[in-house]
Amino acid sequence: MRKHQIENAAFEVATQVRAVEDSIDSALAEMAELQARIMRANSVARTGFGTVHPVLQQLAAAVSGLVDARGSVVGCHAALADAKGKVPGLRTVGFGDGEECPKTAVADLRIVA
């Protein structure tokens, strides 16, 4: 019962981490699109070079902050992966020499009563 609860909680955390990562990537893509639209609008309006410069500086600062946040989430993801190995019920357990399972059986196994 407890193992199942731990697995469910870990799955919920993993799902949320992926959602946050996707949201940040989506926001970065939207910001790039915004920058391109601003540049097109400035070109169509034929305003001066300095007209949108303060806007672009603010947008660049926002992008930089979001890229830093993305890096922090990457670090969080790595820390969670490391912590997973310390949580009972989530640790990976292996038996044998550590190699992959053979594709064919190497021994004839029989049930003996």
PDB file of N, CA and C in Angstrom:
ATOM      1  N   MET A   1       0.818  -1.183   0.000  1.00  0.00           N
ATOM      2  CA  MET A   1       0.000   0.000   0.000  1.00  0.00           C
ATOM      3  C   MET A   1       0.872   1.262   0.000  1.00  0.00           C
ATOM      4  N   ARG A   2       1.847   1.325   0.924  1.00  0.00           N
ATOM      5  CA  ARG A   2       2.714   2.497   1.005  1.00  0.00           C
ATOM      6  C   ARG A   2       3.552   2.637  -0.254  1.00  0.00           C
ATOM      7  N   LYS A   3       4.053   1.517  -0.767  1.00  0.00           N
ATOM      8  CA  LYS A   3       4.852   1.550  -1.989  1.00  0.00           C
ATOM      9  C   LYS A   3       4.037   2.128  -3.144  1.00  0.00           C
ATOM     10  N   HIS A   4       2.787   1.752  -3.226  1.00  0.00           N
ATOM     11  CA  HIS A   4       1.902   2.258  -4.270  1.00  0.00           C
ATOM     12  C   HIS A   4       1.697   3.770  -4.121  1.00  0.00           C
ATOM     13  N   GLN A   5       1.532   4.239  -2.885  1.00  0.00           N
ATOM     14  CA  GLN A   5       1.374   5.673  -2.631  1.00  0.00           C
ATOM     15  C   GLN A   5       2.634   6.439  -3.031  1.00  0.00           C
ATOM     16  N   ILE A   6       3.798   5.884  -2.709  1.00  0.00           N
ATOM     17  CA  ILE A   6       5.069   6.519  -3.068  1.00  0.00           C
ATOM     18  C   ILE A   6       5.211   6.590  -4.587  1.00  0.00           C
ATOM     19  N   GLU A   7       4.880   5.493  -5.266  1.00  0.00           N
ATOM     20  CA  GLU A   7       4.972   5.471  -6.727  1.00  0.00           C
ATOM     21  C   GLU A   7       4.016   6.488  -7.350  1.00  0.00           C
ATOM     22  N   ASN A   8       2.812   6.584  -6.828  1.00  0.00           N
ATOM     23  CA  ASN A   8       1.836   7.561  -7.350  1.00  0.00           C
ATOM     24  C   ASN A   8       2.320   8.989  -7.135  1.00  0.00           C
ATOM     25  N   ALA A   9       2.845   9.265  -5.946  1.00  0.00           N
ATOM     26  CA  ALA A   9       3.350  10.607  -5.657  1.00  0.00           C
ATOM     27  C   ALA A   9       4.522  10.946  -6.584  1.00  0.00           C
ATOM     28  N   ALA A  10       5.414  10.002  -6.799  1.00  0.00           N
ATOM     29  CA  ALA A  10       6.564  10.225  -7.689  1.00  0.00           C
ATOM     30  C   ALA A  10       6.098  10.448  -9.122  1.00  0.00           C
ATOM     31  N   PHE A  11       5.087   9.711  -9.544  1.00  0.00           N
ATOM     32  CA  PHE A  11       4.555   9.880 -10.895  1.00  0.00           C
ATOM     33  C   PHE A  11       3.948  11.272 -11.067  1.00  0.00           C
ATOM     34  N   GLU A  12       3.231  11.737 -10.049  1.00  0.00           N
ATOM     35  CA  GLU A  12       2.639  13.075 -10.099  1.00  0.00           C
ATOM     36  C   GLU A  12       3.719  14.154 -10.174  1.00  0.00           C
ATOM     37  N   VAL A  13       4.791  13.990  -9.407  1.00  0.00           N
ATOM     38  CA  VAL A  13       5.903  14.946  -9.457  1.00  0.00           C
ATOM     39  C   VAL A  13       6.543  14.927 -10.836  1.00  0.00           C
ATOM     40  N   ALA A  14       6.803  13.743 -11.363  1.00  0.00           N
ATOM     41  CA  ALA A  14       7.429  13.629 -12.688  1.00  0.00           C
ATOM     42  C   ALA A  14       6.553  14.255 -13.767  1.00  0.00           C
ATOM     43  N   THR A  15       5.257  14.029 -13.684  1.00  0.00           N
ATOM     44  CA  THR A  15       4.326  14.604 -14.650  1.00  0.00           C
ATOM     45  C   THR A  15       4.340  16.126 -14.573  1.00  0.00           C
ATOM     46  N   GLN A  16       4.377  16.657 -13.355  1.00  0.00           N
ATOM     47  CA  GLN A  16       4.386  18.106 -13.179  1.00  0.00           C
ATOM     48  C   GLN A  16       5.699  18.718 -13.658  1.00  0.00           C
ATOM     49  N   VAL A  17       6.803  18.040 -13.417  1.00  0.00           N
ATOM     50  CA  VAL A  17       8.101  18.539 -13.906  1.00  0.00           C
ATOM     51  C   VAL A  17       8.069  18.642 -15.426  1.00  0.00           C
ATOM     52  N   ARG A  18       7.558  17.625 -16.079  1.00  0.00           N
ATOM     53  CA  ARG A  18       7.454  17.661 -17.552  1.00  0.00           C
ATOM     54  C   ARG A  18       6.553  18.796 -18.016  1.00  0.00           C
ATOM     55  N   ALA A  19       5.455  19.018 -17.310  1.00  0.00           N
ATOM     56  CA  ALA A  19       4.534  20.098 -17.683  1.00  0.00           C
ATOM     57  C   ALA A  19       5.207  21.460 -17.535  1.00  0.00           C
ATOM     58  N   VAL A  20       5.980  21.636 -16.471  1.00  0.00           N
ATOM     59  CA  VAL A  20       6.697  22.898 -16.266  1.00  0.00           C
ATOM     60  C   VAL A  20       7.736  23.098 -17.361  1.00  0.00           C
ATOM     61  N   GLU A  21       8.473  22.047 -17.682  1.00  0.00           N
ATOM     62  CA  GLU A  21       9.470  22.139 -18.755  1.00  0.00           C
ATOM     63  C   GLU A  21       8.814  22.509 -20.082  1.00  0.00           C
ATOM     64  N   ASP A  22       7.700  21.873 -20.383  1.00  0.00           N
ATOM     65  CA  ASP A  22       6.977  22.181 -21.625  1.00  0.00           C
ATOM     66  C   ASP A  22       6.470  23.617 -21.632  1.00  0.00           C
ATOM     67  N   SER A  23       5.988  24.085 -20.483  1.00  0.00           N
ATOM     68  CA  SER A  23       5.481  25.463 -20.386  1.00  0.00           C
ATOM     69  C   SER A  23       6.584  26.483 -20.624  1.00  0.00           C
ATOM     70  N   ILE A  24       7.746  26.242 -20.046  1.00  0.00           N
ATOM     71  CA  ILE A  24       8.865  27.169 -20.234  1.00  0.00           C
ATOM     72  C   ILE A  24       9.292  27.187 -21.694  1.00  0.00           C
ATOM     73  N   ASP A  25       9.410  26.018 -22.299  1.00  0.00           N
ATOM     74  CA  ASP A  25       9.790  25.960 -23.715  1.00  0.00           C
ATOM     75  C   ASP A  25       8.761  26.660 -24.592  1.00  0.00           C
ATOM     76  N   SER A  26       7.489  26.473 -24.275  1.00  0.00           N
ATOM     77  CA  SER A  26       6.428  27.134 -25.029  1.00  0.00           C
ATOM     78  C   SER A  26       6.510  28.649 -24.867  1.00  0.00           C
ATOM     79  N   ALA A  27       6.752  29.107 -23.648  1.00  0.00           N
ATOM     80  CA  ALA A  27       6.876  30.548 -23.400  1.00  0.00           C
ATOM     81  C   ALA A  27       8.072  31.128 -24.162  1.00  0.00           C
ATOM     82  N   LEU A  28       9.170  30.405 -24.203  1.00  0.00           N
ATOM     83  CA  LEU A  28      10.336  30.882 -24.960  1.00  0.00           C
ATOM     84  C   LEU A  28      10.015  30.987 -26.447  1.00  0.00           C
ATOM     85  N   ALA A  29       9.299  30.010 -26.964  1.00  0.00           N
ATOM     86  CA  ALA A  29       8.913  30.051 -28.376  1.00  0.00           C
ATOM     87  C   ALA A  29       7.965  31.222 -28.648  1.00  0.00           C
ATOM     88  N   GLU A  30       7.031  31.471 -27.744  1.00  0.00           N
ATOM     89  CA  GLU A  30       6.096  32.585 -27.895  1.00  0.00           C
ATOM     90  C   GLU A  30       6.839  33.922 -27.847  1.00  0.00           C
ATOM     91  N   MET A  31       7.835  34.010 -26.993  1.00  0.00           N
ATOM     92  CA  MET A  31       8.605  35.257 -26.888  1.00  0.00           C
ATOM     93  C   MET A  31       9.419  35.504 -28.158  1.00  0.00           C
ATOM     94  N   ALA A  32       9.946  34.444 -28.739  1.00  0.00           N
ATOM     95  CA  ALA A  32      10.668  34.588 -30.005  1.00  0.00           C
ATOM     96  C   ALA A  32       9.720  35.066 -31.100  1.00  0.00           C
ATOM     97  N   GLU A  33       8.518  34.514 -31.106  1.00  0.00           N
ATOM     98  CA  GLU A  33       7.489  34.943 -32.070  1.00  0.00           C
ATOM     99  C   GLU A  33       7.134  36.420 -31.855  1.00  0.00           C
ATOM    100  N   LEU A  34       7.013  36.818 -30.589  1.00  0.00           N
ATOM    101  CA  LEU A  34       6.713  38.215 -30.266  1.00  0.00           C
ATOM    102  C   LEU A  34       7.817  39.142 -30.782  1.00  0.00           C
ATOM    103  N   GLN A  35       9.040  38.741 -30.581  1.00  0.00           N
ATOM    104  CA  GLN A  35      10.156  39.557 -31.055  1.00  0.00           C
ATOM    105  C   GLN A  35      10.106  39.709 -32.574  1.00  0.00           C
ATOM    106  N   ALA A  36       9.842  38.621 -33.265  1.00  0.00           N
ATOM    107  CA  ALA A  36       9.749  38.685 -34.726  1.00  0.00           C
ATOM    108  C   ALA A  36       8.601  39.591 -35.169  1.00  0.00           C
ATOM    109  N   ARG A  37       7.459  39.520 -34.501  1.00  0.00           N
ATOM    110  CA  ARG A  37       6.317  40.372 -34.859  1.00  0.00           C
ATOM    111  C   ARG A  37       6.611  41.845 -34.590  1.00  0.00           C
ATOM    112  N   ILE A  38       7.296  42.123 -33.498  1.00  0.00           N
ATOM    113  CA  ILE A  38       7.683  43.506 -33.200  1.00  0.00           C
ATOM    114  C   ILE A  38       8.591  44.041 -34.299  1.00  0.00           C
ATOM    115  N   MET A  39       9.537  43.237 -34.712  1.00  0.00           N
ATOM    116  CA  MET A  39      10.471  43.664 -35.763  1.00  0.00           C
ATOM    117  C   MET A  39       9.723  43.900 -37.078  1.00  0.00           C
ATOM    118  N   ARG A  40       8.767  43.003 -37.412  1.00  0.00           N
ATOM    119  CA  ARG A  40       7.981  43.188 -38.637  1.00  0.00           C
ATOM    120  C   ARG A  40       7.136  44.458 -38.554  1.00  0.00           C
ATOM    121  N   ALA A  41       6.494  44.674 -37.406  1.00  0.00           N
ATOM    122  CA  ALA A  41       5.662  45.866 -37.237  1.00  0.00           C
ATOM    123  C   ALA A  41       6.514  47.132 -37.347  1.00  0.00           C
ATOM    124  N   ASN A  42       7.691  47.116 -36.787  1.00  0.00           N
ATOM    125  CA  ASN A  42       8.588  48.267 -36.877  1.00  0.00           C
ATOM    126  C   ASN A  42       9.003  48.510 -38.321  1.00  0.00           C
ATOM    127  N   SER A  43       9.242  47.448 -39.049  1.00  0.00           N
ATOM    128  CA  SER A  43       9.637  47.568 -40.450  1.00  0.00           C
ATOM    129  C   SER A  43       8.491  48.112 -41.303  1.00  0.00           C
ATOM    130  N   VAL A  44       7.292  47.602 -41.088  1.00  0.00           N
ATOM    131  CA  VAL A  44       6.125  48.053 -41.849  1.00  0.00           C
ATOM    132  C   VAL A  44       5.828  49.520 -41.549  1.00  0.00           C
ATOM    133  N   ALA A  45       5.939  49.915 -40.295  1.00  0.00           N
ATOM    134  CA  ALA A  45       5.646  51.291 -39.898  1.00  0.00           C
ATOM    135  C   ALA A  45       6.755  52.254 -40.308  1.00  0.00           C
ATOM    136  N   ARG A  46       7.898  51.690 -40.656  1.00  0.00           N
ATOM    137  CA  ARG A  46       9.069  52.477 -41.046  1.00  0.00           C
ATOM    138  C   ARG A  46       9.428  53.535 -39.993  1.00  0.00           C
ATOM    139  N   THR A  47       9.346  53.102 -38.740  1.00  0.00           N
ATOM    140  CA  THR A  47       9.756  54.004 -37.667  1.00  0.00           C
ATOM    141  C   THR A  47      11.271  53.932 -37.519  1.00  0.00           C
ATOM    142  N   GLY A  48      11.804  54.810 -36.738  1.00  0.00           N
ATOM    143  CA  GLY A  48      13.260  54.864 -36.567  1.00  0.00           C
ATOM    144  C   GLY A  48      13.800  53.619 -35.890  1.00  0.00           C
ATOM    145  N   PHE A  49      15.087  53.417 -36.056  1.00  0.00           N
ATOM    146  CA  PHE A  49      15.787  52.260 -35.506  1.00  0.00           C
ATOM    147  C   PHE A  49      15.656  52.220 -33.985  1.00  0.00           C
ATOM    148  N   GLY A  50      15.689  53.367 -33.340  1.00  0.00           N
ATOM    149  CA  GLY A  50      15.640  53.429 -31.885  1.00  0.00           C
ATOM    150  C   GLY A  50      14.250  53.331 -31.296  1.00  0.00           C
ATOM    151  N   THR A  51      13.226  53.347 -32.140  1.00  0.00           N
ATOM    152  CA  THR A  51      11.853  53.350 -31.628  1.00  0.00           C
ATOM    153  C   THR A  51      11.542  52.104 -30.802  1.00  0.00           C
ATOM    154  N   VAL A  52      11.885  50.932 -31.303  1.00  0.00           N
ATOM    155  CA  VAL A  52      11.552  49.698 -30.588  1.00  0.00           C
ATOM    156  C   VAL A  52      12.711  49.160 -29.760  1.00  0.00           C
ATOM    157  N   HIS A  53      13.825  49.866 -29.772  1.00  0.00           N
ATOM    158  CA  HIS A  53      14.993  49.360 -29.037  1.00  0.00           C
ATOM    159  C   HIS A  53      14.698  49.141 -27.547  1.00  0.00           C
ATOM    160  N   PRO A  54      14.064  50.090 -26.847  1.00  0.00           N
ATOM    161  CA  PRO A  54      13.749  49.831 -25.432  1.00  0.00           C
ATOM    162  C   PRO A  54      12.826  48.620 -25.252  1.00  0.00           C
ATOM    163  N   VAL A  55      11.910  48.432 -26.181  1.00  0.00           N
ATOM    164  CA  VAL A  55      11.011  47.267 -26.125  1.00  0.00           C
ATOM    165  C   VAL A  55      11.821  45.981 -26.262  1.00  0.00           C
ATOM    166  N   LEU A  56      12.728  45.958 -27.221  1.00  0.00           N
ATOM    167  CA  LEU A  56      13.550  44.768 -27.443  1.00  0.00           C
ATOM    168  C   LEU A  56      14.463  44.491 -26.255  1.00  0.00           C
ATOM    169  N   GLN A  57      14.962  45.543 -25.612  1.00  0.00           N
ATOM    170  CA  GLN A  57      15.792  45.347 -24.425  1.00  0.00           C
ATOM    171  C   GLN A  57      14.994  44.687 -23.303  1.00  0.00           C
ATOM    172  N   GLN A  58      13.772  45.146 -23.097  1.00  0.00           N
ATOM    173  CA  GLN A  58      12.936  44.557 -22.053  1.00  0.00           C
ATOM    174  C   GLN A  58      12.584  43.106 -22.376  1.00  0.00           C
ATOM    175  N   LEU A  59      12.286  42.846 -23.622  1.00  0.00           N
ATOM    176  CA  LEU A  59      11.967  41.483 -24.041  1.00  0.00           C
ATOM    177  C   LEU A  59      13.185  40.581 -23.897  1.00  0.00           C
ATOM    178  N   ALA A  60      14.351  41.084 -24.255  1.00  0.00           N
ATOM    179  CA  ALA A  60      15.585  40.307 -24.109  1.00  0.00           C
ATOM    180  C   ALA A  60      15.854  39.984 -22.640  1.00  0.00           C
ATOM    181  N   ALA A  61      15.581  40.937 -21.755  1.00  0.00           N
ATOM    182  CA  ALA A  61      15.754  40.683 -20.318  1.00  0.00           C
ATOM    183  C   ALA A  61      14.800  39.590 -19.850  1.00  0.00           C
ATOM    184  N   ALA A  62      13.568  39.637 -20.346  1.00  0.00           N
ATOM    185  CA  ALA A  62      12.582  38.611 -19.985  1.00  0.00           C
ATOM    186  C   ALA A  62      13.016  37.241 -20.499  1.00  0.00           C
ATOM    187  N   VAL A  63      13.510  37.199 -21.731  1.00  0.00           N
ATOM    188  CA  VAL A  63      13.979  35.926 -22.304  1.00  0.00           C
ATOM    189  C   VAL A  63      15.154  35.394 -21.494  1.00  0.00           C
ATOM    190  N   SER A  64      16.080  36.271 -21.156  1.00  0.00           N
ATOM    191  CA  SER A  64      17.245  35.861 -20.373  1.00  0.00           C
ATOM    192  C   SER A  64      16.824  35.276 -19.028  1.00  0.00           C
ATOM    193  N   GLY A  65      15.874  35.940 -18.375  1.00  0.00           N
ATOM    194  CA  GLY A  65      15.373  35.428 -17.100  1.00  0.00           C
ATOM    195  C   GLY A  65      14.712  34.074 -17.246  1.00  0.00           C
ATOM    196  N   LEU A  66      13.972  33.901 -18.329  1.00  0.00           N
ATOM    197  CA  LEU A  66      13.297  32.631 -18.558  1.00  0.00           C
ATOM    198  C   LEU A  66      14.294  31.518 -18.890  1.00  0.00           C
ATOM    199  N   VAL A  67      15.347  31.865 -19.618  1.00  0.00           N
ATOM    200  CA  VAL A  67      16.397  30.879 -19.907  1.00  0.00           C
ATOM    201  C   VAL A  67      17.082  30.466 -18.602  1.00  0.00           C
ATOM    202  N   ASP A  68      17.330  31.423 -17.710  1.00  0.00           N
ATOM    203  CA  ASP A  68      17.905  31.091 -16.401  1.00  0.00           C
ATOM    204  C   ASP A  68      16.964  30.178 -15.612  1.00  0.00           C
ATOM    205  N   ALA A  69      15.667  30.493 -15.648  1.00  0.00           N
ATOM    206  CA  ALA A  69      14.680  29.656 -14.966  1.00  0.00           C
ATOM    207  C   ALA A  69      14.669  28.253 -15.555  1.00  0.00           C
ATOM    208  N   ARG A  70      14.809  28.160 -16.865  1.00  0.00           N
ATOM    209  CA  ARG A  70      14.848  26.850 -17.533  1.00  0.00           C
ATOM    210  C   ARG A  70      16.024  26.030 -17.023  1.00  0.00           C
ATOM    211  N   GLY A  71      17.175  26.690 -16.892  1.00  0.00           N
ATOM    212  CA  GLY A  71      18.358  26.008 -16.366  1.00  0.00           C
ATOM    213  C   GLY A  71      18.151  25.531 -14.935  1.00  0.00           C
ATOM    214  N   SER A  72      17.464  26.324 -14.140  1.00  0.00           N
ATOM    215  CA  SER A  72      17.172  25.920 -12.764  1.00  0.00           C
ATOM    216  C   SER A  72      16.248  24.712 -12.726  1.00  0.00           C
ATOM    217  N   VAL A  73      15.277  24.670 -13.635  1.00  0.00           N
ATOM    218  CA  VAL A  73      14.372  23.520 -13.693  1.00  0.00           C
ATOM    219  C   VAL A  73      15.132  22.274 -14.148  1.00  0.00           C
ATOM    220  N   VAL A  74      16.083  22.459 -15.054  1.00  0.00           N
ATOM    221  CA  VAL A  74      16.929  21.324 -15.467  1.00  0.00           C
ATOM    222  C   VAL A  74      17.683  20.793 -14.252  1.00  0.00           C
ATOM    223  N   GLY A  75      18.230  21.705 -13.441  1.00  0.00           N
ATOM    224  CA  GLY A  75      18.926  21.292 -12.226  1.00  0.00           C
ATOM    225  C   GLY A  75      17.998  20.598 -11.245  1.00  0.00           C
ATOM    226  N   CYS A  76      16.778  21.102 -11.134  1.00  0.00           N
ATOM    227  CA  CYS A  76      15.772  20.477 -10.277  1.00  0.00           C
ATOM    228  C   CYS A  76      15.468  19.059 -10.756  1.00  0.00           C
ATOM    229  N   HIS A  77      15.329  18.900 -12.066  1.00  0.00           N
ATOM    230  CA  HIS A  77      15.043  17.584 -12.645  1.00  0.00           C
ATOM    231  C   HIS A  77      16.172  16.606 -12.320  1.00  0.00           C
ATOM    232  N   ALA A  78      17.406  17.068 -12.461  1.00  0.00           N
ATOM    233  CA  ALA A  78      18.558  16.213 -12.157  1.00  0.00           C
ATOM    234  C   ALA A  78      18.595  15.855 -10.673  1.00  0.00           C
ATOM    235  N   ALA A  79      18.292  16.826  -9.815  1.00  0.00           N
ATOM    236  CA  ALA A  79      18.280  16.560  -8.373  1.00  0.00           C
ATOM    237  C   ALA A  79      17.174  15.568  -8.005  1.00  0.00           C
ATOM    238  N   LEU A  80      16.027  15.679  -8.652  1.00  0.00           N
ATOM    239  CA  LEU A  80      14.946  14.726  -8.405  1.00  0.00           C
ATOM    240  C   LEU A  80      15.344  13.321  -8.853  1.00  0.00           C
ATOM    241  N   ALA A  81      16.027  13.233  -9.990  1.00  0.00           N
ATOM    242  CA  ALA A  81      16.476  11.921 -10.469  1.00  0.00           C
ATOM    243  C   ALA A  81      17.465  11.305  -9.485  1.00  0.00           C
ATOM    244  N   ASP A  82      18.323  12.134  -8.905  1.00  0.00           N
ATOM    245  CA  ASP A  82      19.281  11.656  -7.912  1.00  0.00           C
ATOM    246  C   ASP A  82      18.552  11.237  -6.629  1.00  0.00           C
ATOM    247  N   ALA A  83      17.578  12.048  -6.213  1.00  0.00           N
ATOM    248  CA  ALA A  83      16.831  11.753  -4.989  1.00  0.00           C
ATOM    249  C   ALA A  83      16.015  10.473  -5.127  1.00  0.00           C
ATOM    250  N   LYS A  84      15.601  10.161  -6.325  1.00  0.00           N
ATOM    251  CA  LYS A  84      14.802   8.955  -6.569  1.00  0.00           C
ATOM    252  C   LYS A  84      15.527   7.711  -6.069  1.00  0.00           C
ATOM    253  N   GLY A  85      16.836   7.705  -6.220  1.00  0.00           N
ATOM    254  CA  GLY A  85      17.621   6.550  -5.781  1.00  0.00           C
ATOM    255  C   GLY A  85      17.713   6.407  -4.276  1.00  0.00           C
ATOM    256  N   LYS A  86      17.272   7.405  -3.536  1.00  0.00           N
ATOM    257  CA  LYS A  86      17.340   7.373  -2.075  1.00  0.00           C
ATOM    258  C   LYS A  86      15.983   7.130  -1.425  1.00  0.00           C
ATOM    259  N   VAL A  87      14.944   7.040  -2.238  1.00  0.00           N
ATOM    260  CA  VAL A  87      13.595   6.858  -1.705  1.00  0.00           C
ATOM    261  C   VAL A  87      13.225   5.376  -1.771  1.00  0.00           C
ATOM    262  N   PRO A  88      12.927   4.778  -0.623  1.00  0.00           N
ATOM    263  CA  PRO A  88      12.510   3.372  -0.644  1.00  0.00           C
ATOM    264  C   PRO A  88      11.260   3.209  -1.518  1.00  0.00           C
ATOM    265  N   GLY A  89      11.278   2.201  -2.335  1.00  0.00           N
ATOM    266  CA  GLY A  89      10.149   1.952  -3.226  1.00  0.00           C
ATOM    267  C   GLY A  89      10.362   2.509  -4.621  1.00  0.00           C
ATOM    268  N   LEU A  90      11.347   3.404  -4.785  1.00  0.00           N
ATOM    269  CA  LEU A  90      11.631   3.975  -6.104  1.00  0.00           C
ATOM    270  C   LEU A  90      13.011   3.573  -6.619  1.00  0.00           C
ATOM    271  N   ARG A  91      13.804   2.988  -5.738  1.00  0.00           N
ATOM    272  CA  ARG A  91      15.155   2.612  -6.145  1.00  0.00           C
ATOM    273  C   ARG A  91      15.110   1.481  -7.158  1.00  0.00           C
ATOM    274  N   THR A  92      16.079   1.481  -8.052  1.00  0.00           N
ATOM    275  CA  THR A  92      16.203   0.420  -9.030  1.00  0.00           C
ATOM    276  C   THR A  92      17.018  -0.704  -8.409  1.00  0.00           C
ATOM    277  N   VAL A  93      16.518  -1.906  -8.517  1.00  0.00           N
ATOM    278  CA  VAL A  93      17.197  -3.055  -7.956  1.00  0.00           C
ATOM    279  C   VAL A  93      17.583  -3.982  -9.096  1.00  0.00           C
ATOM    280  N   GLY A  94      18.812  -4.450  -9.082  1.00  0.00           N
ATOM    281  CA  GLY A  94      19.259  -5.360 -10.117  1.00  0.00           C
ATOM    282  C   GLY A  94      19.913  -6.588  -9.504  1.00  0.00           C
ATOM    283  N   PHE A  95      19.815  -7.691 -10.169  1.00  0.00           N
ATOM    284  CA  PHE A  95      20.444  -8.919  -9.737  1.00  0.00           C
ATOM    285  C   PHE A  95      21.316  -9.434 -10.871  1.00  0.00           C
ATOM    286  N   GLY A  96      22.351 -10.139 -10.529  1.00  0.00           N
ATOM    287  CA  GLY A  96      23.208 -10.710 -11.559  1.00  0.00           C
ATOM    288  C   GLY A  96      24.413  -9.831 -11.828  1.00  0.00           C
ATOM    289  N   ASP A  97      24.945  -9.940 -13.049  1.00  0.00           N
ATOM    290  CA  ASP A  97      26.180  -9.245 -13.378  1.00  0.00           C
ATOM    291  C   ASP A  97      25.956  -7.840 -13.934  1.00  0.00           C
ATOM    292  N   GLY A  98      24.723  -7.390 -13.998  1.00  0.00           N
ATOM    293  CA  GLY A  98      24.440  -6.036 -14.436  1.00  0.00           C
ATOM    294  C   GLY A  98      24.276  -5.871 -15.929  1.00  0.00           C
ATOM    295  N   GLU A  99      24.353  -6.949 -16.663  1.00  0.00           N
ATOM    296  CA  GLU A  99      24.186  -6.858 -18.113  1.00  0.00           C
ATOM    297  C   GLU A  99      22.722  -7.044 -18.473  1.00  0.00           C
ATOM    298  N   GLU A 100      22.403  -6.694 -19.717  1.00  0.00           N
ATOM    299  CA  GLU A 100      21.033  -6.835 -20.198  1.00  0.00           C
ATOM    300  C   GLU A 100      20.612  -8.298 -20.173  1.00  0.00           C
ATOM    301  N   CYS A 101      19.303  -8.509 -20.135  1.00  0.00           N
ATOM    302  CA  CYS A 101      18.779  -9.870 -20.153  1.00  0.00           C
ATOM    303  C   CYS A 101      19.095 -10.524 -21.496  1.00  0.00           C
ATOM    304  N   PRO A 102      19.423 -11.808 -21.487  1.00  0.00           N
ATOM    305  CA  PRO A 102      19.683 -12.493 -22.761  1.00  0.00           C
ATOM    306  C   PRO A 102      18.400 -12.618 -23.576  1.00  0.00           C
ATOM    307  N   LYS A 103      18.549 -12.610 -24.897  1.00  0.00           N
ATOM    308  CA  LYS A 103      17.377 -12.702 -25.767  1.00  0.00           C
ATOM    309  C   LYS A 103      16.779 -14.115 -25.753  1.00  0.00           C
ATOM    310  N   THR A 104      17.607 -15.100 -25.544  1.00  0.00           N
ATOM    311  CA  THR A 104      17.114 -16.473 -25.464  1.00  0.00           C
ATOM    312  C   THR A 104      17.494 -17.051 -24.110  1.00  0.00           C
ATOM    313  N   ALA A 105      16.700 -17.996 -23.672  1.00  0.00           N
ATOM    314  CA  ALA A 105      16.977 -18.627 -22.383  1.00  0.00           C
ATOM    315  C   ALA A 105      18.284 -19.403 -22.473  1.00  0.00           C
ATOM    316  N   VAL A 106      19.071 -19.325 -21.405  1.00  0.00           N
ATOM    317  CA  VAL A 106      20.358 -20.021 -21.396  1.00  0.00           C
ATOM    318  C   VAL A 106      20.285 -21.296 -20.580  1.00  0.00           C
ATOM    319  N   ALA A 107      19.173 -21.526 -19.922  1.00  0.00           N
ATOM    320  CA  ALA A 107      19.045 -22.721 -19.112  1.00  0.00           C
ATOM    321  C   ALA A 107      17.627 -23.270 -19.274  1.00  0.00           C
ATOM    322  N   ASP A 108      17.508 -24.550 -19.077  1.00  0.00           N
ATOM    323  CA  ASP A 108      16.205 -25.208 -19.124  1.00  0.00           C
ATOM    324  C   ASP A 108      15.643 -25.188 -17.710  1.00  0.00           C
ATOM    325  N   LEU A 109      14.633 -24.345 -17.492  1.00  0.00           N
ATOM    326  CA  LEU A 109      14.064 -24.229 -16.168  1.00  0.00           C
ATOM    327  C   LEU A 109      12.876 -25.180 -16.035  1.00  0.00           C
ATOM    328  N   ARG A 110      12.819 -25.878 -14.919  1.00  0.00           N
ATOM    329  CA  ARG A 110      11.723 -26.805 -14.684  1.00  0.00           C
ATOM    330  C   ARG A 110      11.178 -26.604 -13.273  1.00  0.00           C
ATOM    331  N   ILE A 111       9.892 -26.750 -13.156  1.00  0.00           N
ATOM    332  CA  ILE A 111       9.262 -26.663 -11.849  1.00  0.00           C
ATOM    333  C   ILE A 111       9.282 -28.046 -11.254  1.00  0.00           C
ATOM    334  N   VAL A 112       9.808 -28.109 -10.039  1.00  0.00           N
ATOM    335  CA  VAL A 112       9.915 -29.400  -9.349  1.00  0.00           C
ATOM    336  C   VAL A 112       9.034 -29.342  -8.116  1.00  0.00           C
ATOM    337  N   ALA A 113       8.143 -30.319  -7.990  1.00  0.00           N
ATOM    338  CA  ALA A 113       7.239 -30.358  -6.830  1.00  0.00           C
ATOM    339  C   ALA A 113       7.834 -31.174  -5.729  1.00  0.00           C
TER     340      ALA A 113
END
